[in-house]
């Protein structure tokens, strides 16, 4: 026989009422904020609200029409299919025993990498700015590079298809080779693990013994660099001055080489390609 559930107590009823009142108040505040946003957006001046609504209506109509196209439906289908596959394959990975040490490793890496990221942030920002300027300056070369990449991909496609066909046809032989390698390497794994442990222990000992003299050497090198800093700066300034003095000569040489190359190209083109239209000479004699 089913038992009749007990009624909530007076304290529980009061707590539920207070919670409902708080939630209702928050919802009303949110609705008021949304109303203020709408008023501030649509009412700065006469006619602006109507214009905004017209633009929104036309934009949503275009989006609705675009979303009904076969291309958009195919894209939506691919997105849903990808999310389904990720959910299907990600669920077993989340409960796999390997996920726990992987999460611990990620946590340790995040804790140790945060100071490094904070230290390199200015350099990364400067590098990103310089890279953006470089990409903008090299924009005229991008179409040629894209065409070259497309040509390489088109040339590699038949090779990949041929290799795929060979692999499909040779599946039994590949399985035999894999089985043979597995049977040959499996007995060696315990020995390799033992050797790796011994090598790791020996390497750790070498590193422990080498770190103190390496630290001394680093300190001596740093002190030497600080002492030789004026000489290094003078050498750098001398090198830059030499490059600046040689720059006009290099530019003149490059310009001359360019002129010679253009003249040679014109002569070779004239010698290889026959003249399209030969000129007709007309002699004019004076009247007697």
C-alpha atoms as a PDB file:
ATOM      1  CA  UNK A   1       0.000   0.000   0.000  1.00  0.00           C
ATOM      2  CA  UNK A   2       1.415   3.350  -1.037  1.00  0.00           C
ATOM      3  CA  UNK A   3       2.241   5.745   1.772  1.00  0.00           C
ATOM      4  CA  UNK A   4       0.807   9.251   1.809  1.00  0.00           C
ATOM      5  CA  UNK A   5       3.605  11.826   1.617  1.00  0.00           C
ATOM      6  CA  UNK A   6       3.830  14.150   4.579  1.00  0.00           C
ATOM      7  CA  UNK A   7       2.896  17.797   4.152  1.00  0.00           C
ATOM      8  CA  UNK A   8       5.691  20.382   4.228  1.00  0.00           C
ATOM      9  CA  UNK A   9       6.267  22.101   7.529  1.00  0.00           C
ATOM     10  CA  UNK A  10       5.613  25.755   8.246  1.00  0.00           C
ATOM     11  CA  UNK A  11       9.341  26.626   7.966  1.00  0.00           C
ATOM     12  CA  UNK A  12       9.603  24.905   4.616  1.00  0.00           C
ATOM     13  CA  UNK A  13       6.530  26.766   3.337  1.00  0.00           C
ATOM     14  CA  UNK A  14       8.022  30.089   4.455  1.00  0.00           C
ATOM     15  CA  UNK A  15      11.354  29.265   2.813  1.00  0.00           C
ATOM     16  CA  UNK A  16       9.639  28.318  -0.457  1.00  0.00           C
ATOM     17  CA  UNK A  17       7.579  31.528  -0.400  1.00  0.00           C
ATOM     18  CA  UNK A  18      10.658  33.686   0.202  1.00  0.00           C
ATOM     19  CA  UNK A  19      12.533  31.919  -2.606  1.00  0.00           C
ATOM     20  CA  UNK A  20       9.597  32.438  -4.978  1.00  0.00           C
ATOM     21  CA  UNK A  21       9.389  36.109  -4.014  1.00  0.00           C
ATOM     22  CA  UNK A  22      13.139  36.624  -4.614  1.00  0.00           C
ATOM     23  CA  UNK A  23      12.994  34.928  -8.005  1.00  0.00           C
ATOM     24  CA  UNK A  24       9.930  36.943  -9.021  1.00  0.00           C
ATOM     25  CA  UNK A  25      11.640  40.173  -7.990  1.00  0.00           C
ATOM     26  CA  UNK A  26      14.761  39.321  -9.990  1.00  0.00           C
ATOM     27  CA  UNK A  27      12.655  38.483 -13.058  1.00  0.00           C
ATOM     28  CA  UNK A  28      10.784  41.784 -12.752  1.00  0.00           C
ATOM     29  CA  UNK A  29      14.067  43.705 -12.425  1.00  0.00           C
ATOM     30  CA  UNK A  30      15.402  41.920 -15.510  1.00  0.00           C
ATOM     31  CA  UNK A  31      12.239  42.729 -17.474  1.00  0.00           C
ATOM     32  CA  UNK A  32      12.544  46.370 -16.435  1.00  0.00           C
ATOM     33  CA  UNK A  33      16.153  46.490 -17.588  1.00  0.00           C
ATOM     34  CA  UNK A  34      15.188  44.984 -20.948  1.00  0.00           C
ATOM     35  CA  UNK A  35      12.423  47.569 -21.295  1.00  0.00           C
ATOM     36  CA  UNK A  36      14.871  50.391 -20.543  1.00  0.00           C
ATOM     37  CA  UNK A  37      17.325  49.003 -23.142  1.00  0.00           C
ATOM     38  CA  UNK A  38      14.559  48.885 -25.760  1.00  0.00           C
ATOM     39  CA  UNK A  39      13.466  52.448 -24.934  1.00  0.00           C
ATOM     40  CA  UNK A  40      17.051  53.752 -25.036  1.00  0.00           C
ATOM     41  CA  UNK A  41      17.709  51.958 -28.333  1.00  0.00           C
ATOM     42  CA  UNK A  42      14.549  52.842 -30.223  1.00  0.00           C
ATOM     43  CA  UNK A  43      13.833  56.340 -28.882  1.00  0.00           C
ATOM     44  CA  UNK A  44      16.918  58.599 -29.269  1.00  0.00           C
ATOM     45  CA  UNK A  45      15.192  60.665 -31.934  1.00  0.00           C
ATOM     46  CA  UNK A  46      11.999  60.679 -33.942  1.00  0.00           C
ATOM     47  CA  UNK A  47      11.793  57.961 -36.553  1.00  0.00           C
ATOM     48  CA  UNK A  48      14.875  56.049 -35.375  1.00  0.00           C
ATOM     49  CA  UNK A  49      12.880  53.294 -33.704  1.00  0.00           C
ATOM     50  CA  UNK A  50      10.849  52.662 -36.842  1.00  0.00           C
ATOM     51  CA  UNK A  51      13.997  52.595 -38.965  1.00  0.00           C
ATOM     52  CA  UNK A  52      15.714  50.118 -36.621  1.00  0.00           C
ATOM     53  CA  UNK A  53      12.674  47.862 -36.628  1.00  0.00           C
ATOM     54  CA  UNK A  54      12.549  47.990 -40.444  1.00  0.00           C
ATOM     55  CA  UNK A  55      16.208  47.012 -40.692  1.00  0.00           C
ATOM     56  CA  UNK A  56      15.708  44.210 -38.175  1.00  0.00           C
ATOM     57  CA  UNK A  57      12.661  42.943 -40.072  1.00  0.00           C
ATOM     58  CA  UNK A  58      14.497  42.917 -43.411  1.00  0.00           C
ATOM     59  CA  UNK A  59      17.594  41.304 -41.880  1.00  0.00           C
ATOM     60  CA  UNK A  60      15.611  38.555 -40.164  1.00  0.00           C
ATOM     61  CA  UNK A  61      13.666  37.931 -43.377  1.00  0.00           C
ATOM     62  CA  UNK A  62      16.921  37.512 -45.311  1.00  0.00           C
ATOM     63  CA  UNK A  63      18.307  35.214 -42.607  1.00  0.00           C
ATOM     64  CA  UNK A  64      15.139  33.123 -42.680  1.00  0.00           C
ATOM     65  CA  UNK A  65      15.356  32.819 -46.461  1.00  0.00           C
ATOM     66  CA  UNK A  66      19.063  31.959 -46.320  1.00  0.00           C
ATOM     67  CA  UNK A  67      18.552  29.354 -43.592  1.00  0.00           C
ATOM     68  CA  UNK A  68      16.008  27.553 -45.784  1.00  0.00           C
ATOM     69  CA  UNK A  69      18.471  27.086 -48.656  1.00  0.00           C
ATOM     70  CA  UNK A  70      19.858  23.579 -49.353  1.00  0.00           C
ATOM     71  CA  UNK A  71      23.411  24.737 -48.531  1.00  0.00           C
ATOM     72  CA  UNK A  72      22.374  26.044 -45.108  1.00  0.00           C
ATOM     73  CA  UNK A  73      20.365  22.899 -44.368  1.00  0.00           C
ATOM     74  CA  UNK A  74      23.378  20.770 -45.322  1.00  0.00           C
ATOM     75  CA  UNK A  75      25.624  22.871 -43.062  1.00  0.00           C
ATOM     76  CA  UNK A  76      23.141  22.526 -40.166  1.00  0.00           C
ATOM     77  CA  UNK A  77      23.004  18.774 -40.723  1.00  0.00           C
ATOM     78  CA  UNK A  78      26.806  18.535 -40.620  1.00  0.00           C
ATOM     79  CA  UNK A  79      26.961  20.594 -37.426  1.00  0.00           C
ATOM     80  CA  UNK A  80      24.369  18.412 -35.704  1.00  0.00           C
ATOM     81  CA  UNK A  81      26.068  15.245 -36.952  1.00  0.00           C
ATOM     82  CA  UNK A  82      29.448  16.468 -35.689  1.00  0.00           C
ATOM     83  CA  UNK A  83      28.027  17.354 -32.275  1.00  0.00           C
ATOM     84  CA  UNK A  84      26.349  13.938 -32.094  1.00  0.00           C
ATOM     85  CA  UNK A  85      29.611  12.172 -32.907  1.00  0.00           C
ATOM     86  CA  UNK A  86      31.495  14.261 -30.362  1.00  0.00           C
ATOM     87  CA  UNK A  87      28.947  13.425 -27.695  1.00  0.00           C
ATOM     88  CA  UNK A  88      28.978   9.728 -28.583  1.00  0.00           C
ATOM     89  CA  UNK A  89      32.761   9.450 -28.634  1.00  0.00           C
ATOM     90  CA  UNK A  90      33.397  11.901 -25.796  1.00  0.00           C
ATOM     91  CA  UNK A  91      31.193  10.193 -23.219  1.00  0.00           C
ATOM     92  CA  UNK A  92      33.334   7.005 -23.024  1.00  0.00           C
ATOM     93  CA  UNK A  93      36.484   9.124 -22.865  1.00  0.00           C
ATOM     94  CA  UNK A  94      35.134  11.133 -19.933  1.00  0.00           C
ATOM     95  CA  UNK A  95      34.630   8.002 -17.802  1.00  0.00           C
ATOM     96  CA  UNK A  96      37.773   6.211 -19.015  1.00  0.00           C
ATOM     97  CA  UNK A  97      40.389   5.524 -16.286  1.00  0.00           C
ATOM     98  CA  UNK A  98      42.963   7.481 -18.297  1.00  0.00           C
ATOM     99  CA  UNK A  99      40.877  10.666 -18.002  1.00  0.00           C
ATOM    100  CA  UNK A 100      41.705  11.151 -14.296  1.00  0.00           C
ATOM    101  CA  UNK A 101      45.535  11.307 -14.696  1.00  0.00           C
ATOM    102  CA  UNK A 102      45.030  13.347 -17.867  1.00  0.00           C
ATOM    103  CA  UNK A 103      42.998  15.885 -15.871  1.00  0.00           C
ATOM    104  CA  UNK A 104      45.666  15.952 -13.161  1.00  0.00           C
ATOM    105  CA  UNK A 105      48.324  16.529 -15.827  1.00  0.00           C
ATOM    106  CA  UNK A 106      46.330  19.381 -17.344  1.00  0.00           C
ATOM    107  CA  UNK A 107      45.838  20.957 -13.910  1.00  0.00           C
ATOM    108  CA  UNK A 108      49.567  20.741 -13.174  1.00  0.00           C
ATOM    109  CA  UNK A 109      50.426  22.196 -16.570  1.00  0.00           C
ATOM    110  CA  UNK A 110      47.965  25.060 -16.112  1.00  0.00           C
ATOM    111  CA  UNK A 111      49.395  25.912 -12.672  1.00  0.00           C
ATOM    112  CA  UNK A 112      52.978  25.901 -13.977  1.00  0.00           C
ATOM    113  CA  UNK A 113      52.243  27.632 -17.273  1.00  0.00           C
ATOM    114  CA  UNK A 114      50.346  30.618 -15.870  1.00  0.00           C
ATOM    115  CA  UNK A 115      53.500  32.455 -14.639  1.00  0.00           C
ATOM    116  CA  UNK A 116      55.227  31.702 -17.957  1.00  0.00           C
ATOM    117  CA  UNK A 117      52.267  33.058 -19.928  1.00  0.00           C
ATOM    118  CA  UNK A 118      52.193  36.194 -17.790  1.00  0.00           C
ATOM    119  CA  UNK A 119      55.918  36.711 -18.439  1.00  0.00           C
ATOM    120  CA  UNK A 120      55.728  36.250 -22.219  1.00  0.00           C
ATOM    121  CA  UNK A 121      52.473  38.192 -22.706  1.00  0.00           C
ATOM    122  CA  UNK A 122      54.152  41.499 -23.750  1.00  0.00           C
ATOM    123  CA  UNK A 123      56.456  39.716 -26.177  1.00  0.00           C
ATOM    124  CA  UNK A 124      53.552  37.746 -27.651  1.00  0.00           C
ATOM    125  CA  UNK A 125      51.503  40.918 -28.123  1.00  0.00           C
ATOM    126  CA  UNK A 126      54.434  42.658 -29.833  1.00  0.00           C
ATOM    127  CA  UNK A 127      55.052  39.628 -32.038  1.00  0.00           C
ATOM    128  CA  UNK A 128      51.360  39.423 -32.967  1.00  0.00           C
ATOM    129  CA  UNK A 129      51.369  43.097 -33.961  1.00  0.00           C
ATOM    130  CA  UNK A 130      54.508  42.669 -36.070  1.00  0.00           C
ATOM    131  CA  UNK A 131      53.095  39.521 -37.660  1.00  0.00           C
ATOM    132  CA  UNK A 132      49.876  41.336 -38.523  1.00  0.00           C
ATOM    133  CA  UNK A 133      51.858  44.150 -40.174  1.00  0.00           C
ATOM    134  CA  UNK A 134      53.932  41.583 -42.088  1.00  0.00           C
ATOM    135  CA  UNK A 135      50.829  39.748 -43.338  1.00  0.00           C
ATOM    136  CA  UNK A 136      49.279  43.046 -44.418  1.00  0.00           C
ATOM    137  CA  UNK A 137      52.460  44.007 -46.280  1.00  0.00           C
ATOM    138  CA  UNK A 138      52.701  40.565 -47.925  1.00  0.00           C
ATOM    139  CA  UNK A 139      49.029  40.577 -48.985  1.00  0.00           C
ATOM    140  CA  UNK A 140      49.877  40.935 -52.734  1.00  0.00           C
ATOM    141  CA  UNK A 141      51.785  37.632 -52.555  1.00  0.00           C
ATOM    142  CA  UNK A 142      48.929  35.703 -50.949  1.00  0.00           C
ATOM    143  CA  UNK A 143      46.993  34.958 -54.194  1.00  0.00           C
ATOM    144  CA  UNK A 144      50.135  33.536 -55.807  1.00  0.00           C
ATOM    145  CA  UNK A 145      50.890  31.461 -52.712  1.00  0.00           C
ATOM    146  CA  UNK A 146      47.291  30.212 -52.647  1.00  0.00           C
ATOM    147  CA  UNK A 147      47.542  29.215 -56.298  1.00  0.00           C
ATOM    148  CA  UNK A 148      50.802  27.389 -55.634  1.00  0.00           C
ATOM    149  CA  UNK A 149      49.300  25.528 -52.685  1.00  0.00           C
ATOM    150  CA  UNK A 150      46.245  24.610 -54.771  1.00  0.00           C
ATOM    151  CA  UNK A 151      48.494  23.269 -57.532  1.00  0.00           C
ATOM    152  CA  UNK A 152      50.495  21.181 -55.070  1.00  0.00           C
ATOM    153  CA  UNK A 153      47.300  19.785 -53.533  1.00  0.00           C
ATOM    154  CA  UNK A 154      45.929  18.919 -56.967  1.00  0.00           C
ATOM    155  CA  UNK A 155      49.200  17.170 -57.810  1.00  0.00           C
ATOM    156  CA  UNK A 156      49.169  15.198 -54.536  1.00  0.00           C
ATOM    157  CA  UNK A 157      45.514  14.120 -54.793  1.00  0.00           C
ATOM    158  CA  UNK A 158      46.101  11.346 -57.398  1.00  0.00           C
ATOM    159  CA  UNK A 159      49.039  10.011 -55.374  1.00  0.00           C
ATOM    160  CA  UNK A 160      46.966   9.874 -52.200  1.00  0.00           C
ATOM    161  CA  UNK A 161      44.105   8.157 -54.010  1.00  0.00           C
ATOM    162  CA  UNK A 162      46.464   5.604 -55.510  1.00  0.00           C
ATOM    163  CA  UNK A 163      48.065   4.952 -52.123  1.00  0.00           C
ATOM    164  CA  UNK A 164      44.607   4.568 -50.564  1.00  0.00           C
ATOM    165  CA  UNK A 165      43.642   2.009 -53.177  1.00  0.00           C
ATOM    166  CA  UNK A 166      46.841   0.049 -52.606  1.00  0.00           C
ATOM    167  CA  UNK A 167      46.295   0.051 -48.838  1.00  0.00           C
ATOM    168  CA  UNK A 168      42.701  -1.127 -49.242  1.00  0.00           C
ATOM    169  CA  UNK A 169      43.780  -3.943 -51.547  1.00  0.00           C
ATOM    170  CA  UNK A 170      46.669  -4.920 -49.264  1.00  0.00           C
ATOM    171  CA  UNK A 171      44.653  -5.006 -46.022  1.00  0.00           C
ATOM    172  CA  UNK A 172      45.339  -8.729 -45.319  1.00  0.00           C
ATOM    173  CA  UNK A 173      49.084  -8.304 -45.867  1.00  0.00           C
ATOM    174  CA  UNK A 174      49.110  -5.206 -43.637  1.00  0.00           C
ATOM    175  CA  UNK A 175      47.293  -7.152 -40.920  1.00  0.00           C
ATOM    176  CA  UNK A 176      49.871  -9.955 -41.187  1.00  0.00           C
ATOM    177  CA  UNK A 177      52.706  -7.434 -40.905  1.00  0.00           C
ATOM    178  CA  UNK A 178      51.061  -5.791 -37.883  1.00  0.00           C
ATOM    179  CA  UNK A 179      50.558  -9.161 -36.185  1.00  0.00           C
ATOM    180  CA  UNK A 180      54.186 -10.125 -36.868  1.00  0.00           C
ATOM    181  CA  UNK A 181      55.494  -6.843 -35.453  1.00  0.00           C
ATOM    182  CA  UNK A 182      53.262  -7.175 -32.388  1.00  0.00           C
ATOM    183  CA  UNK A 183      54.402 -10.743 -31.687  1.00  0.00           C
ATOM    184  CA  UNK A 184      58.045  -9.722 -32.172  1.00  0.00           C
ATOM    185  CA  UNK A 185      57.964  -6.536 -30.077  1.00  0.00           C
ATOM    186  CA  UNK A 186      55.679  -7.636 -27.240  1.00  0.00           C
ATOM    187  CA  UNK A 187      58.350  -9.783 -25.454  1.00  0.00           C
ATOM    188  CA  UNK A 188      60.810  -6.893 -25.653  1.00  0.00           C
ATOM    189  CA  UNK A 189      58.600  -4.363 -23.858  1.00  0.00           C
ATOM    190  CA  UNK A 190      59.408  -5.470 -20.246  1.00  0.00           C
ATOM    191  CA  UNK A 191      63.136  -5.377 -21.041  1.00  0.00           C
ATOM    192  CA  UNK A 192      62.779  -1.931 -22.602  1.00  0.00           C
ATOM    193  CA  UNK A 193      60.906  -0.657 -19.556  1.00  0.00           C
ATOM    194  CA  UNK A 194      63.630  -1.939 -17.226  1.00  0.00           C
ATOM    195  CA  UNK A 195      66.359  -0.380 -19.382  1.00  0.00           C
ATOM    196  CA  UNK A 196      64.418   2.895 -19.492  1.00  0.00           C
ATOM    197  CA  UNK A 197      64.169   2.933 -15.694  1.00  0.00           C
ATOM    198  CA  UNK A 198      67.915   2.342 -15.354  1.00  0.00           C
ATOM    199  CA  UNK A 199      68.660   4.995 -17.985  1.00  0.00           C
ATOM    200  CA  UNK A 200      66.359   7.460 -16.208  1.00  0.00           C
ATOM    201  CA  UNK A 201      68.064   6.823 -12.866  1.00  0.00           C
ATOM    202  CA  UNK A 202      71.517   7.228 -14.413  1.00  0.00           C
ATOM    203  CA  UNK A 203      70.450  10.362 -16.272  1.00  0.00           C
ATOM    204  CA  UNK A 204      68.993  11.866 -13.122  1.00  0.00           C
ATOM    205  CA  UNK A 205      72.280  11.251 -11.330  1.00  0.00           C
ATOM    206  CA  UNK A 206      74.256  12.877 -14.135  1.00  0.00           C
ATOM    207  CA  UNK A 207      71.932  15.886 -14.130  1.00  0.00           C
ATOM    208  CA  UNK A 208      72.207  16.276 -10.354  1.00  0.00           C
ATOM    209  CA  UNK A 209      76.010  16.132 -10.586  1.00  0.00           C
ATOM    210  CA  UNK A 210      76.173  18.505 -13.564  1.00  0.00           C
ATOM    211  CA  UNK A 211      73.804  21.196 -12.287  1.00  0.00           C
ATOM    212  CA  UNK A 212      76.169  22.853  -9.725  1.00  0.00           C
ATOM    213  CA  UNK A 213      79.076  23.340 -12.183  1.00  0.00           C
ATOM    214  CA  UNK A 214      76.621  24.381 -14.876  1.00  0.00           C
ATOM    215  CA  UNK A 215      75.204  27.019 -12.544  1.00  0.00           C
ATOM    216  CA  UNK A 216      78.740  28.245 -11.813  1.00  0.00           C
ATOM    217  CA  UNK A 217      79.514  28.359 -15.528  1.00  0.00           C
ATOM    218  CA  UNK A 218      76.318  30.287 -16.205  1.00  0.00           C
ATOM    219  CA  UNK A 219      77.107  32.830 -13.522  1.00  0.00           C
ATOM    220  CA  UNK A 220      80.634  33.258 -14.907  1.00  0.00           C
ATOM    221  CA  UNK A 221      79.287  33.667 -18.448  1.00  0.00           C
ATOM    222  CA  UNK A 222      76.756  36.242 -17.222  1.00  0.00           C
ATOM    223  CA  UNK A 223      79.475  38.176 -15.425  1.00  0.00           C
ATOM    224  CA  UNK A 224      81.695  38.051 -18.520  1.00  0.00           C
ATOM    225  CA  UNK A 225      78.827  39.262 -20.706  1.00  0.00           C
ATOM    226  CA  UNK A 226      78.153  42.178 -18.366  1.00  0.00           C
ATOM    227  CA  UNK A 227      81.836  43.108 -18.407  1.00  0.00           C
ATOM    228  CA  UNK A 228      82.071  42.821 -22.203  1.00  0.00           C
ATOM    229  CA  UNK A 229      78.793  44.627 -22.860  1.00  0.00           C
ATOM    230  CA  UNK A 230      80.461  47.904 -24.016  1.00  0.00           C
ATOM    231  CA  UNK A 231      82.639  45.968 -26.480  1.00  0.00           C
ATOM    232  CA  UNK A 232      79.627  44.064 -27.829  1.00  0.00           C
ATOM    233  CA  UNK A 233      77.635  47.271 -28.230  1.00  0.00           C
ATOM    234  CA  UNK A 234      80.549  48.943 -30.025  1.00  0.00           C
ATOM    235  CA  UNK A 235      80.857  45.931 -32.353  1.00  0.00           C
ATOM    236  CA  UNK A 236      77.148  46.004 -33.123  1.00  0.00           C
ATOM    237  CA  UNK A 237      77.278  49.729 -33.871  1.00  0.00           C
ATOM    238  CA  UNK A 238      80.288  49.177 -36.140  1.00  0.00           C
ATOM    239  CA  UNK A 239      78.481  46.406 -38.011  1.00  0.00           C
ATOM    240  CA  UNK A 240      75.359  48.526 -38.459  1.00  0.00           C
ATOM    241  CA  UNK A 241      77.447  51.471 -39.682  1.00  0.00           C
ATOM    242  CA  UNK A 242      79.203  49.215 -42.200  1.00  0.00           C
ATOM    243  CA  UNK A 243      75.858  47.941 -43.484  1.00  0.00           C
ATOM    244  CA  UNK A 244      74.557  51.501 -43.786  1.00  0.00           C
ATOM    245  CA  UNK A 245      77.641  52.545 -45.754  1.00  0.00           C
ATOM    246  CA  UNK A 246      77.396  49.534 -48.086  1.00  0.00           C
ATOM    247  CA  UNK A 247      73.653  49.926 -48.640  1.00  0.00           C
ATOM    248  CA  UNK A 248      73.902  52.490 -51.536  1.00  0.00           C
ATOM    249  CA  UNK A 249      76.384  50.255 -53.361  1.00  0.00           C
ATOM    250  CA  UNK A 250      74.124  47.222 -52.908  1.00  0.00           C
ATOM    251  CA  UNK A 251      71.114  49.157 -54.177  1.00  0.00           C
ATOM    252  CA  UNK A 252      73.031  50.413 -57.212  1.00  0.00           C
ATOM    253  CA  UNK A 253      74.274  46.884 -57.980  1.00  0.00           C
ATOM    254  CA  UNK A 254      70.779  45.451 -57.683  1.00  0.00           C
ATOM    255  CA  UNK A 255      69.357  48.190 -59.924  1.00  0.00           C
ATOM    256  CA  UNK A 256      72.030  47.586 -62.564  1.00  0.00           C
ATOM    257  CA  UNK A 257      71.482  43.836 -62.439  1.00  0.00           C
ATOM    258  CA  UNK A 258      67.757  44.420 -62.887  1.00  0.00           C
ATOM    259  CA  UNK A 259      68.301  46.587 -65.954  1.00  0.00           C
ATOM    260  CA  UNK A 260      70.627  44.013 -67.501  1.00  0.00           C
ATOM    261  CA  UNK A 261      68.158  41.224 -66.811  1.00  0.00           C
ATOM    262  CA  UNK A 262      65.287  43.184 -68.380  1.00  0.00           C
ATOM    263  CA  UNK A 263      67.363  44.002 -71.472  1.00  0.00           C
ATOM    264  CA  UNK A 264      68.407  40.360 -71.833  1.00  0.00           C
ATOM    265  CA  UNK A 265      64.795  39.229 -71.457  1.00  0.00           C
ATOM    266  CA  UNK A 266      63.675  41.636 -74.205  1.00  0.00           C
ATOM    267  CA  UNK A 267      66.394  40.388 -76.564  1.00  0.00           C
ATOM    268  CA  UNK A 268      65.666  36.727 -75.861  1.00  0.00           C
ATOM    269  CA  UNK A 269      61.945  37.307 -76.413  1.00  0.00           C
ATOM    270  CA  UNK A 270      62.601  39.093 -79.690  1.00  0.00           C
ATOM    271  CA  UNK A 271      64.908  36.292 -80.867  1.00  0.00           C
ATOM    272  CA  UNK A 272      62.573  33.446 -79.887  1.00  0.00           C
ATOM    273  CA  UNK A 273      59.187  34.905 -80.854  1.00  0.00           C
ATOM    274  CA  UNK A 274      58.731  35.785 -84.553  1.00  0.00           C
ATOM    275  CA  UNK A 275      57.438  39.246 -85.339  1.00  0.00           C
ATOM    276  CA  UNK A 276      53.675  39.296 -85.651  1.00  0.00           C
ATOM    277  CA  UNK A 277      53.491  42.069 -88.198  1.00  0.00           C
ATOM    278  CA  UNK A 278      56.488  42.951 -90.309  1.00  0.00           C
ATOM    279  CA  UNK A 279      56.752  46.564 -91.366  1.00  0.00           C
ATOM    280  CA  UNK A 280      56.358  47.593 -95.030  1.00  0.00           C
ATOM    281  CA  UNK A 281      58.870  50.133 -96.319  1.00  0.00           C
ATOM    282  CA  UNK A 282      57.433  52.696 -98.814  1.00  0.00           C
ATOM    283  CA  UNK A 283      59.839  54.799-100.884  1.00  0.00           C
ATOM    284  CA  UNK A 284      58.653  58.222-101.983  1.00  0.00           C
ATOM    285  CA  UNK A 285      60.427  59.870-104.958  1.00  0.00           C
ATOM    286  CA  UNK A 286      60.208  63.639-105.557  1.00  0.00           C
ATOM    287  CA  UNK A 287      58.094  64.700-108.600  1.00  0.00           C
ATOM    288  CA  UNK A 288      60.022  65.962-111.640  1.00  0.00           C
END
